C-alpha atoms as a PDB file:
ATOM      1  CA  MET A   1       0.000   0.000   0.000  1.00  0.00           C
ATOM      2  CA  ARG A   2       1.308   3.425  -0.963  1.00  0.00           C
ATOM      3  CA  GLU A   3       1.443   6.305   1.499  1.00  0.00           C
ATOM      4  CA  GLU A   4      -0.962   8.341  -0.633  1.00  0.00           C
ATOM      5  CA  ASP A   5      -3.540   5.546  -0.348  1.00  0.00           C
ATOM      6  CA  VAL A   6      -3.812   6.043   3.438  1.00  0.00           C
ATOM      7  CA  SER A   7      -6.399   8.479   4.820  1.00  0.00           C
ATOM      8  CA  LEU A   8      -6.068   9.703   8.402  1.00  0.00           C
ATOM      9  CA  SER A   9      -9.146  11.935   8.206  1.00  0.00           C
ATOM     10  CA  VAL A  10     -11.783  11.539  10.941  1.00  0.00           C
ATOM     11  CA  GLU A  11     -15.081  13.145  11.882  1.00  0.00           C
ATOM     12  CA  ILE A  12     -15.831  14.499  15.360  1.00  0.00           C
ATOM     13  CA  GLY A  13     -19.479  15.364  15.009  1.00  0.00           C
ATOM     14  CA  ASP A  14     -19.705  18.106  12.382  1.00  0.00           C
ATOM     15  CA  LEU A  15     -15.930  18.666  12.402  1.00  0.00           C
ATOM     16  CA  ARG A  16     -13.774  16.914   9.818  1.00  0.00           C
ATOM     17  CA  LEU A  17     -10.152  16.663  10.984  1.00  0.00           C
ATOM     18  CA  LYS A  18      -7.246  15.867   8.643  1.00  0.00           C
ATOM     19  CA  ASN A  19      -5.966  13.368  11.231  1.00  0.00           C
ATOM     20  CA  PRO A  20      -6.980  12.185  14.712  1.00  0.00           C
ATOM     21  CA  VAL A  21      -4.073  13.730  16.649  1.00  0.00           C
ATOM     22  CA  MET A  22      -4.344  16.907  18.718  1.00  0.00           C
ATOM     23  CA  PRO A  23      -2.820  18.304  21.916  1.00  0.00           C
ATOM     24  CA  ALA A  24      -4.407  17.959  25.319  1.00  0.00           C
ATOM     25  CA  SER A  25      -5.423  21.224  26.918  1.00  0.00           C
ATOM     26  CA  GLY A  26      -2.555  22.697  28.909  1.00  0.00           C
ATOM     27  CA  ALA A  27       0.100  20.946  26.842  1.00  0.00           C
ATOM     28  CA  PHE A  28       0.111  23.244  23.812  1.00  0.00           C
ATOM     29  CA  SER A  29       0.720  26.807  22.676  1.00  0.00           C
ATOM     30  CA  ASP A  30       1.632  28.485  19.409  1.00  0.00           C
ATOM     31  CA  ASP A  31       5.216  28.715  20.691  1.00  0.00           C
ATOM     32  CA  MET A  32       5.540  25.159  19.368  1.00  0.00           C
ATOM     33  CA  ALA A  33       5.452  26.619  15.846  1.00  0.00           C
ATOM     34  CA  ARG A  34       9.187  27.184  16.282  1.00  0.00           C
ATOM     35  CA  ILE A  35       9.600  23.392  16.400  1.00  0.00           C
ATOM     36  CA  PHE A  36       7.137  22.047  13.816  1.00  0.00           C
ATOM     37  CA  ASP A  37       4.352  23.142  11.461  1.00  0.00           C
ATOM     38  CA  LEU A  38       1.268  23.374  13.676  1.00  0.00           C
ATOM     39  CA  ASP A  39      -1.036  22.797  10.714  1.00  0.00           C
ATOM     40  CA  VAL A  40       0.038  19.150  10.583  1.00  0.00           C
ATOM     41  CA  LEU A  41      -2.201  18.586  13.638  1.00  0.00           C
ATOM     42  CA  GLY A  42      -5.813  17.501  13.410  1.00  0.00           C
ATOM     43  CA  ALA A  43      -6.871  20.348  15.719  1.00  0.00           C
ATOM     44  CA  HIS A  44      -5.453  22.870  18.177  1.00  0.00           C
ATOM     45  CA  VAL A  45      -6.730  22.567  21.751  1.00  0.00           C
ATOM     46  CA  LEU A  46      -5.842  25.566  23.877  1.00  0.00           C
ATOM     47  CA  LYS A  47      -5.013  25.862  27.558  1.00  0.00           C
ATOM     48  CA  THR A  48      -8.152  26.162  29.668  1.00  0.00           C
ATOM     49  CA  ILE A  49      -9.445  29.689  30.146  1.00  0.00           C
ATOM     50  CA  THR A  50     -11.589  30.961  33.013  1.00  0.00           C
ATOM     51  CA  PRO A  51     -13.977  33.917  33.300  1.00  0.00           C
ATOM     52  CA  GLN A  52     -11.589  35.989  35.408  1.00  0.00           C
ATOM     53  CA  PRO A  53      -7.784  35.921  35.771  1.00  0.00           C
ATOM     54  CA  ARG A  54      -6.455  33.202  38.093  1.00  0.00           C
ATOM     55  CA  ARG A  55      -3.007  32.810  39.603  1.00  0.00           C
ATOM     56  CA  GLY A  56      -3.157  29.034  39.929  1.00  0.00           C
ATOM     57  CA  ASN A  57      -1.877  26.826  42.734  1.00  0.00           C
ATOM     58  CA  PRO A  58       1.145  27.409  44.981  1.00  0.00           C
ATOM     59  CA  GLN A  59       4.575  26.043  44.108  1.00  0.00           C
ATOM     60  CA  PRO A  60       5.791  23.392  43.637  1.00  0.00           C
ATOM     61  CA  ARG A  61       3.334  22.436  40.915  1.00  0.00           C
ATOM     62  CA  LEU A  62       5.047  19.459  39.279  1.00  0.00           C
ATOM     63  CA  HIS A  63       6.534  16.211  40.519  1.00  0.00           C
ATOM     64  CA  GLU A  64       7.920  13.441  38.318  1.00  0.00           C
ATOM     65  CA  THR A  65       6.839   9.919  39.247  1.00  0.00           C
ATOM     66  CA  ALA A  66       8.180   6.512  38.220  1.00  0.00           C
ATOM     67  CA  ALA A  67       5.821   6.291  35.234  1.00  0.00           C
ATOM     68  CA  GLY A  68       4.358   9.724  34.813  1.00  0.00           C
ATOM     69  CA  MET A  69       3.961  13.165  36.308  1.00  0.00           C
ATOM     70  CA  LEU A  70       1.901  14.711  39.082  1.00  0.00           C
ATOM     71  CA  ASN A  71       0.769  18.261  38.387  1.00  0.00           C
ATOM     72  CA  SER A  72      -1.187  20.758  40.408  1.00  0.00           C
ATOM     73  CA  ILE A  73      -1.126  23.785  38.131  1.00  0.00           C
ATOM     74  CA  GLY A  74      -4.521  25.070  39.241  1.00  0.00           C
ATOM     75  CA  ILE A  75      -5.624  26.464  35.858  1.00  0.00           C
ATOM     76  CA  PRO A  76      -3.775  29.798  35.874  1.00  0.00           C
ATOM     77  CA  SER A  77      -5.521  32.027  33.362  1.00  0.00           C
ATOM     78  CA  LYS A  78      -5.467  35.609  32.130  1.00  0.00           C
ATOM     79  CA  GLY A  79      -9.246  35.485  31.775  1.00  0.00           C
ATOM     80  CA  VAL A  80     -11.648  35.531  28.864  1.00  0.00           C
ATOM     81  CA  LYS A  81     -11.127  39.196  27.931  1.00  0.00           C
ATOM     82  CA  HIS A  82      -7.413  38.617  27.402  1.00  0.00           C
ATOM     83  CA  PHE A  83      -8.171  35.465  25.413  1.00  0.00           C
ATOM     84  CA  LEU A  84     -10.518  37.265  23.036  1.00  0.00           C
ATOM     85  CA  ALA A  85      -8.246  40.282  22.579  1.00  0.00           C
ATOM     86  CA  HIS A  86      -4.841  38.627  22.407  1.00  0.00           C
ATOM     87  CA  THR A  87      -4.827  34.828  22.219  1.00  0.00           C
ATOM     88  CA  LEU A  88      -7.561  34.141  19.682  1.00  0.00           C
ATOM     89  CA  PRO A  89      -6.140  36.460  16.968  1.00  0.00           C
ATOM     90  CA  ARG A  90      -2.796  34.610  17.059  1.00  0.00           C
ATOM     91  CA  TYR A  91      -4.432  31.423  15.776  1.00  0.00           C
ATOM     92  CA  ALA A  92      -6.138  33.017  12.768  1.00  0.00           C
ATOM     93  CA  ARG A  93      -3.088  32.126  10.637  1.00  0.00           C
ATOM     94  CA  TYR A  94      -3.651  28.370  11.035  1.00  0.00           C
ATOM     95  CA  GLN A  95      -5.970  26.063   9.115  1.00  0.00           C
ATOM     96  CA  ALA A  96      -6.403  23.466  11.865  1.00  0.00           C
ATOM     97  CA  PRO A  97      -9.713  23.801  13.768  1.00  0.00           C
ATOM     98  CA  LEU A  98      -9.375  25.709  17.042  1.00  0.00           C
ATOM     99  CA  VAL A  99     -10.837  24.100  20.164  1.00  0.00           C
ATOM    100  CA  VAL A 100     -11.207  26.348  23.203  1.00  0.00           C
ATOM    101  CA  SER A 101     -11.140  24.724  26.640  1.00  0.00           C
ATOM    102  CA  ILE A 102     -13.176  26.488  29.327  1.00  0.00           C
ATOM    103  CA  SER A 103     -13.631  26.112  33.070  1.00  0.00           C
ATOM    104  CA  ALA A 104     -15.783  27.845  35.689  1.00  0.00           C
ATOM    105  CA  ASP A 105     -16.892  27.375  39.269  1.00  0.00           C
ATOM    106  CA  THR A 106     -20.666  27.145  38.719  1.00  0.00           C
ATOM    107  CA  ALA A 107     -23.019  26.057  35.961  1.00  0.00           C
ATOM    108  CA  ALA A 108     -24.167  29.635  35.408  1.00  0.00           C
ATOM    109  CA  GLU A 109     -20.588  30.922  35.088  1.00  0.00           C
ATOM    110  CA  PHE A 110     -19.781  28.037  32.745  1.00  0.00           C
ATOM    111  CA  ALA A 111     -22.705  28.947  30.477  1.00  0.00           C
ATOM    112  CA  ALA A 112     -21.820  32.634  30.433  1.00  0.00           C
ATOM    113  CA  LEU A 113     -18.201  31.859  29.520  1.00  0.00           C
ATOM    114  CA  CYS A 114     -19.320  29.430  26.829  1.00  0.00           C
ATOM    115  CA  GLU A 115     -21.427  32.142  25.237  1.00  0.00           C
ATOM    116  CA  GLN A 116     -18.537  34.626  25.382  1.00  0.00           C
ATOM    117  CA  VAL A 117     -16.147  32.353  23.494  1.00  0.00           C
ATOM    118  CA  SER A 118     -18.692  31.313  20.858  1.00  0.00           C
ATOM    119  CA  VAL A 119     -17.172  33.665  18.317  1.00  0.00           C
ATOM    120  CA  PRO A 120     -15.766  33.436  14.775  1.00  0.00           C
ATOM    121  CA  GLY A 121     -12.443  31.606  14.733  1.00  0.00           C
ATOM    122  CA  VAL A 122     -13.507  29.068  17.361  1.00  0.00           C
ATOM    123  CA  SER A 123     -14.412  25.673  15.880  1.00  0.00           C
ATOM    124  CA  ALA A 124     -15.458  23.832  19.052  1.00  0.00           C
ATOM    125  CA  ILE A 125     -15.644  24.278  22.813  1.00  0.00           C
ATOM    126  CA  GLU A 126     -14.185  21.745  25.224  1.00  0.00           C
ATOM    127  CA  ALA A 127     -15.934  22.053  28.586  1.00  0.00           C
ATOM    128  CA  ASN A 128     -13.534  21.014  31.318  1.00  0.00           C
ATOM    129  CA  ILE A 129     -16.241  19.660  33.630  1.00  0.00           C
ATOM    130  CA  SER A 130     -13.603  17.638  35.466  1.00  0.00           C
ATOM    131  CA  CYS A 131     -12.782  20.795  37.416  1.00  0.00           C
ATOM    132  CA  PRO A 132     -14.006  21.595  40.971  1.00  0.00           C
ATOM    133  CA  ASN A 133     -17.644  22.671  41.273  1.00  0.00           C
ATOM    134  CA  LEU A 134     -18.573  25.108  44.033  1.00  0.00           C
ATOM    135  CA  GLU A 135     -22.171  23.902  43.862  1.00  0.00           C
ATOM    136  CA  GLU A 136     -21.053  20.366  44.778  1.00  0.00           C
ATOM    137  CA  ASP A 137     -18.710  21.192  47.681  1.00  0.00           C
ATOM    138  CA  GLY A 138     -15.680  21.403  45.432  1.00  0.00           C
ATOM    139  CA  ARG A 139     -16.165  18.057  43.726  1.00  0.00           C
ATOM    140  CA  ALA A 140     -15.895  17.925  39.953  1.00  0.00           C
ATOM    141  CA  PHE A 141     -19.047  18.283  37.863  1.00  0.00           C
ATOM    142  CA  ALA A 142     -18.108  15.107  35.981  1.00  0.00           C
ATOM    143  CA  MET A 143     -17.924  12.947  39.092  1.00  0.00           C
ATOM    144  CA  PHE A 144     -21.704  12.483  39.043  1.00  0.00           C
ATOM    145  CA  PRO A 145     -24.302  12.042  36.277  1.00  0.00           C
ATOM    146  CA  GLU A 146     -26.670  14.575  37.879  1.00  0.00           C
ATOM    147  CA  SER A 147     -24.202  17.463  38.027  1.00  0.00           C
ATOM    148  CA  THR A 148     -22.895  16.553  34.557  1.00  0.00           C
ATOM    149  CA  LEU A 149     -26.414  16.706  33.141  1.00  0.00           C
ATOM    150  CA  LYS A 150     -27.064  20.055  34.822  1.00  0.00           C
ATOM    151  CA  VAL A 151     -23.957  21.849  33.633  1.00  0.00           C
ATOM    152  CA  MET A 152     -23.977  20.375  30.118  1.00  0.00           C
ATOM    153  CA  ARG A 153     -27.593  21.441  29.596  1.00  0.00           C
ATOM    154  CA  ARG A 154     -26.642  25.010  30.502  1.00  0.00           C
ATOM    155  CA  LEU A 155     -23.655  24.864  28.167  1.00  0.00           C
ATOM    156  CA  ARG A 156     -25.729  23.417  25.315  1.00  0.00           C
ATOM    157  CA  GLU A 157     -28.178  26.305  25.620  1.00  0.00           C
ATOM    158  CA  ALA A 158     -25.301  28.800  25.514  1.00  0.00           C
ATOM    159  CA  THR A 159     -23.721  27.834  22.189  1.00  0.00           C
ATOM    160  CA  GLU A 160     -24.418  26.418  18.756  1.00  0.00           C
ATOM    161  CA  LEU A 161     -20.778  25.412  18.321  1.00  0.00           C
ATOM    162  CA  PRO A 162     -19.710  21.773  18.677  1.00  0.00           C
ATOM    163  CA  LEU A 163     -19.503  21.058  22.407  1.00  0.00           C
ATOM    164  CA  TRP A 164     -17.098  18.527  23.897  1.00  0.00           C
ATOM    165  CA  ALA A 165     -17.325  17.360  27.510  1.00  0.00           C
ATOM    166  CA  LYS A 166     -14.006  16.566  29.194  1.00  0.00           C
ATOM    167  CA  LEU A 167     -14.742  13.856  31.735  1.00  0.00           C
ATOM    168  CA  SER A 168     -13.041  13.007  35.011  1.00  0.00           C
ATOM    169  CA  PRO A 169     -11.530   9.567  35.698  1.00  0.00           C
ATOM    170  CA  ASN A 170     -12.173  10.188  39.407  1.00  0.00           C
ATOM    171  CA  THR A 171     -15.703   8.827  39.250  1.00  0.00           C
ATOM    172  CA  GLY A 172     -17.140   5.481  40.164  1.00  0.00           C
ATOM    173  CA  ASP A 173     -19.188   5.135  36.963  1.00  0.00           C
ATOM    174  CA  ILE A 174     -17.767   6.920  33.943  1.00  0.00           C
ATOM    175  CA  ALA A 175     -20.252   5.234  31.589  1.00  0.00           C
ATOM    176  CA  ALA A 176     -23.178   6.791  33.472  1.00  0.00           C
ATOM    177  CA  VAL A 177     -21.476  10.204  33.399  1.00  0.00           C
ATOM    178  CA  ALA A 178     -20.857   9.786  29.658  1.00  0.00           C
ATOM    179  CA  GLN A 179     -24.536   8.985  29.113  1.00  0.00           C
ATOM    180  CA  ALA A 180     -25.542  12.097  31.061  1.00  0.00           C
ATOM    181  CA  ALA A 181     -23.248  14.310  28.973  1.00  0.00           C
ATOM    182  CA  ALA A 182     -24.614  12.829  25.754  1.00  0.00           C
ATOM    183  CA  ALA A 183     -28.216  13.219  26.931  1.00  0.00           C
ATOM    184  CA  ALA A 184     -27.556  16.896  27.684  1.00  0.00           C
ATOM    185  CA  GLY A 185     -26.349  17.566  24.148  1.00  0.00           C
ATOM    186  CA  ALA A 186     -22.595  17.014  24.131  1.00  0.00           C
ATOM    187  CA  ASP A 187     -21.288  16.442  20.608  1.00  0.00           C
ATOM    188  CA  ALA A 188     -18.228  14.503  21.810  1.00  0.00           C
ATOM    189  CA  LEU A 189     -16.510  13.290  24.969  1.00  0.00           C
ATOM    190  CA  VAL A 190     -12.887  13.743  25.993  1.00  0.00           C
ATOM    191  CA  VAL A 191     -11.919  10.713  28.103  1.00  0.00           C
ATOM    192  CA  ALA A 192     -10.366  11.608  30.425  1.00  0.00           C
ATOM    193  CA  ASN A 193      -8.561  14.148  32.597  1.00  0.00           C
ATOM    194  CA  THR A 194      -5.792  13.256  35.062  1.00  0.00           C
ATOM    195  CA  ILE A 195      -6.199  10.868  37.991  1.00  0.00           C
ATOM    196  CA  LEU A 196      -6.034  12.409  41.452  1.00  0.00           C
ATOM    197  CA  GLY A 197      -2.814  11.440  43.198  1.00  0.00           C
ATOM    198  CA  MET A 198      -0.307  12.452  45.834  1.00  0.00           C
ATOM    199  CA  ALA A 199       3.389  12.092  46.644  1.00  0.00           C
ATOM    200  CA  ILE A 200       5.245  12.706  49.922  1.00  0.00           C
ATOM    201  CA  ASP A 201       8.911  13.544  50.482  1.00  0.00           C
ATOM    202  CA  VAL A 202      10.083  10.953  53.017  1.00  0.00           C
ATOM    203  CA  GLU A 203      12.977  13.183  54.124  1.00  0.00           C
ATOM    204  CA  THR A 204      10.964  16.316  54.898  1.00  0.00           C
ATOM    205  CA  PHE A 205       7.680  14.484  55.648  1.00  0.00           C
ATOM    206  CA  ARG A 206       5.896  17.020  53.454  1.00  0.00           C
ATOM    207  CA  PRO A 207       3.746  16.604  50.322  1.00  0.00           C
ATOM    208  CA  ARG A 208       5.680  17.038  47.067  1.00  0.00           C
ATOM    209  CA  LEU A 209       3.085  19.485  45.694  1.00  0.00           C
ATOM    210  CA  GLY A 210       2.185  22.875  47.094  1.00  0.00           C
ATOM    211  CA  ALA A 211      -1.512  22.045  46.834  1.00  0.00           C
ATOM    212  CA  VAL A 212      -0.880  18.587  48.408  1.00  0.00           C
ATOM    213  CA  MET A 213      -2.715  16.596  45.718  1.00  0.00           C
ATOM    214  CA  GLY A 214      -2.535  16.779  41.946  1.00  0.00           C
ATOM    215  CA  GLY A 215      -3.344  15.021  38.703  1.00  0.00           C
ATOM    216  CA  LEU A 216      -1.359  12.008  37.534  1.00  0.00           C
ATOM    217  CA  SER A 217      -0.611  11.867  33.803  1.00  0.00           C
ATOM    218  CA  GLY A 218       1.743   9.862  31.603  1.00  0.00           C
ATOM    219  CA  PRO A 219       2.193   6.156  30.801  1.00  0.00           C
ATOM    220  CA  ALA A 220       0.923   4.958  34.198  1.00  0.00           C
ATOM    221  CA  ILE A 221      -2.659   5.989  33.450  1.00  0.00           C
ATOM    222  CA  LYS A 222      -2.985   4.672  29.892  1.00  0.00           C
ATOM    223  CA  PRO A 223      -4.474   1.229  30.688  1.00  0.00           C
ATOM    224  CA  ILE A 224      -7.056   2.877  32.946  1.00  0.00           C
ATOM    225  CA  HIS A 225      -8.071   5.441  30.345  1.00  0.00           C
ATOM    226  CA  VAL A 226      -8.171   2.898  27.509  1.00  0.00           C
ATOM    227  CA  ARG A 227     -10.608   0.928  29.679  1.00  0.00           C
ATOM    228  CA  MET A 228     -12.696   4.054  30.227  1.00  0.00           C
ATOM    229  CA  VAL A 229     -12.819   4.828  26.504  1.00  0.00           C
ATOM    230  CA  TYR A 230     -13.969   1.261  25.885  1.00  0.00           C
ATOM    231  CA  GLN A 231     -16.704   1.580  28.518  1.00  0.00           C
ATOM    232  CA  CYS A 232     -17.880   4.937  27.190  1.00  0.00           C
ATOM    233  CA  ARG A 233     -17.930   3.666  23.616  1.00  0.00           C
ATOM    234  CA  ARG A 234     -20.270   0.889  24.705  1.00  0.00           C
ATOM    235  CA  ALA A 235     -22.493   3.385  26.532  1.00  0.00           C
ATOM    236  CA  VAL A 236     -22.872   6.263  24.027  1.00  0.00           C
ATOM    237  CA  ASP A 237     -22.975   6.865  20.287  1.00  0.00           C
ATOM    238  CA  ILE A 238     -21.241  10.261  20.156  1.00  0.00           C
ATOM    239  CA  PRO A 239     -17.535  10.491  19.243  1.00  0.00           C
ATOM    240  CA  ILE A 240     -14.891  10.014  21.921  1.00  0.00           C
ATOM    241  CA  ILE A 241     -11.455  11.630  22.091  1.00  0.00           C
ATOM    242  CA  GLY A 242      -9.063   9.475  24.114  1.00  0.00           C
ATOM    243  CA  VAL A 243      -6.341  11.016  26.250  1.00  0.00           C
ATOM    244  CA  GLY A 244      -3.847   9.703  28.783  1.00  0.00           C
ATOM    245  CA  GLY A 245      -0.343   8.299  28.433  1.00  0.00           C
ATOM    246  CA  ILE A 246      -0.099   8.566  24.643  1.00  0.00           C
ATOM    247  CA  SER A 247       3.455   8.882  23.343  1.00  0.00           C
ATOM    248  CA  THR A 248       3.578   6.581  20.282  1.00  0.00           C
ATOM    249  CA  ALA A 249       1.487   5.695  17.244  1.00  0.00           C
ATOM    250  CA  GLU A 250       0.783   2.324  18.853  1.00  0.00           C
ATOM    251  CA  ASP A 251      -0.621   4.080  21.922  1.00  0.00           C
ATOM    252  CA  ALA A 252      -2.895   6.143  19.687  1.00  0.00           C
ATOM    253  CA  ALA A 253      -3.972   3.050  17.737  1.00  0.00           C
ATOM    254  CA  GLU A 254      -4.885   1.306  20.996  1.00  0.00           C
ATOM    255  CA  TYR A 255      -7.250   4.124  21.909  1.00  0.00           C
ATOM    256  CA  LEU A 256      -8.799   4.056  18.437  1.00  0.00           C
ATOM    257  CA  LEU A 257      -9.338   0.313  18.675  1.00  0.00           C
ATOM    258  CA  ALA A 258     -11.030   0.837  22.066  1.00  0.00           C
ATOM    259  CA  GLY A 259     -13.532   3.196  20.439  1.00  0.00           C
ATOM    260  CA  ALA A 260     -11.938   6.642  20.313  1.00  0.00           C
ATOM    261  CA  SER A 261     -12.292   8.645  17.102  1.00  0.00           C
ATOM    262  CA  ALA A 262      -9.289  10.834  17.936  1.00  0.00           C
ATOM    263  CA  VAL A 263      -6.635  11.285  20.610  1.00  0.00           C
ATOM    264  CA  GLN A 264      -5.022  14.062  22.597  1.00  0.00           C
ATOM    265  CA  VAL A 265      -1.356  14.121  23.601  1.00  0.00           C
ATOM    266  CA  GLY A 266      -0.289  15.746  26.855  1.00  0.00           C
ATOM    267  CA  ALA A 267       2.712  14.889  29.035  1.00  0.00           C
ATOM    268  CA  ALA A 268       4.706  13.305  26.194  1.00  0.00           C
ATOM    269  CA  SER A 269       4.997  16.678  24.435  1.00  0.00           C
ATOM    270  CA  PHE A 270       6.827  18.124  27.439  1.00  0.00           C
ATOM    271  CA  ILE A 271       9.473  15.411  27.085  1.00  0.00           C
ATOM    272  CA  HIS A 272       9.647  15.320  23.271  1.00  0.00           C
ATOM    273  CA  PRO A 273       8.041  18.400  21.662  1.00  0.00           C
ATOM    274  CA  THR A 274       7.794  16.646  18.275  1.00  0.00           C
ATOM    275  CA  THR A 275       5.761  13.736  19.686  1.00  0.00           C
ATOM    276  CA  MET A 276       2.522  14.704  17.930  1.00  0.00           C
ATOM    277  CA  PRO A 277       3.873  14.913  14.352  1.00  0.00           C
ATOM    278  CA  GLU A 278       5.803  11.699  15.010  1.00  0.00           C
ATOM    279  CA  ILE A 279       2.579   9.970  16.078  1.00  0.00           C
ATOM    280  CA  ILE A 280       0.848  11.167  12.896  1.00  0.00           C
ATOM    281  CA  ALA A 281       3.658   9.765  10.726  1.00  0.00           C
ATOM    282  CA  GLY A 282       3.719   6.586  12.800  1.00  0.00           C
ATOM    283  CA  LEU A 283      -0.030   6.042  12.403  1.00  0.00           C
ATOM    284  CA  ARG A 284       0.322   6.302   8.641  1.00  0.00           C
ATOM    285  CA  ALA A 285       3.153   3.742   8.672  1.00  0.00           C
ATOM    286  CA  TYR A 286       1.158   1.450  10.989  1.00  0.00           C
ATOM    287  CA  MET A 287      -1.828   1.538   8.645  1.00  0.00           C
ATOM    288  CA  GLN A 288       0.355   0.801   5.628  1.00  0.00           C
ATOM    289  CA  ARG A 289       1.821  -2.185   7.459  1.00  0.00           C
ATOM    290  CA  LYS A 290      -1.651  -3.468   8.388  1.00  0.00           C
ATOM    291  CA  GLY A 291      -3.105  -2.813   4.924  1.00  0.00           C
ATOM    292  CA  ILE A 292      -5.703  -0.371   6.274  1.00  0.00           C
ATOM    293  CA  SER A 293      -6.609   2.493   3.956  1.00  0.00           C
ATOM    294  CA  ARG A 294      -8.795   4.594   6.280  1.00  0.00           C
ATOM    295  CA  VAL A 295      -8.028   5.312   9.938  1.00  0.00           C
ATOM    296  CA  GLU A 296     -11.762   5.246  10.628  1.00  0.00           C
ATOM    297  CA  GLU A 297     -11.622   1.497  10.010  1.00  0.00           C
ATOM    298  CA  LEU A 298      -9.686   1.178  13.287  1.00  0.00           C
ATOM    299  CA  ILE A 299     -12.291   2.916  15.438  1.00  0.00           C
ATOM    300  CA  GLY A 300     -13.925   0.459  17.844  1.00  0.00           C
ATOM    301  CA  ARG A 301     -12.448  -2.667  16.235  1.00  0.00           C
ATOM    302  CA  ALA A 302     -11.780  -4.140  19.677  1.00  0.00           C
ATOM    303  CA  LEU A 303     -15.526  -4.044  20.386  1.00  0.00           C
ATOM    304  CA  ALA A 304     -16.416  -6.244  17.429  1.00  0.00           C
END
């Protein structure tokens, strides 16, 4: 099979992407254009923005683990006004669809922010409902089907753009949460955010992170998130974007086989900034080796 006979194009609802590879929110900026052509990516997913500026969590914010990384960044943000005036115009030069990640403390604030960023130049909105929810005593919206349904309904009313729900792995029933998001009008699911973890310095007896706990990312979480993608694929019909521990084309293919239509790359880009274009090239080579002409033929094959 020739390289030109391989198609990596996928559909995420109404969006057609040239390939299924995109960055995870918080692991990408247009500074990476100094390293590779950003238009090789299927989409651009921006760092989460909030209604008002936020300073984020206290230092230290990162701790390397044996098979991943703990982070407690705390969503530092310059706020939506700065995003609209300064960040959004910088991406007008690119052809790849722009996905804006948003976060807020309440359902009403989430909806208002969603409406504010529903502007020309934005192709889709990723609602980070895996963030703390003041209406649920600080627990994430996506930990429970009821709070997921509530916030996603408000978000769906606030925008006509494609709406993606970023789910939390810190729930006892991710399939039920996925069903709630789909019932409320989500066009796609992002499965999933980081797993809550903690590390302690045995010399100082103190937590390694300034905020005590943080999110675990990297290779350690991949088998868990592949399982969650598989469970969500069996529970809903809307597209799924898999994320967690992806650093190779084989990792990406595993998520596709579990039912994801696309993938997001996070921690691996901090280690090797060219990971995403390498995954795209590797997927094409993998498909040639397997005699598969369309990447969509891989989606959900493990469920058959």
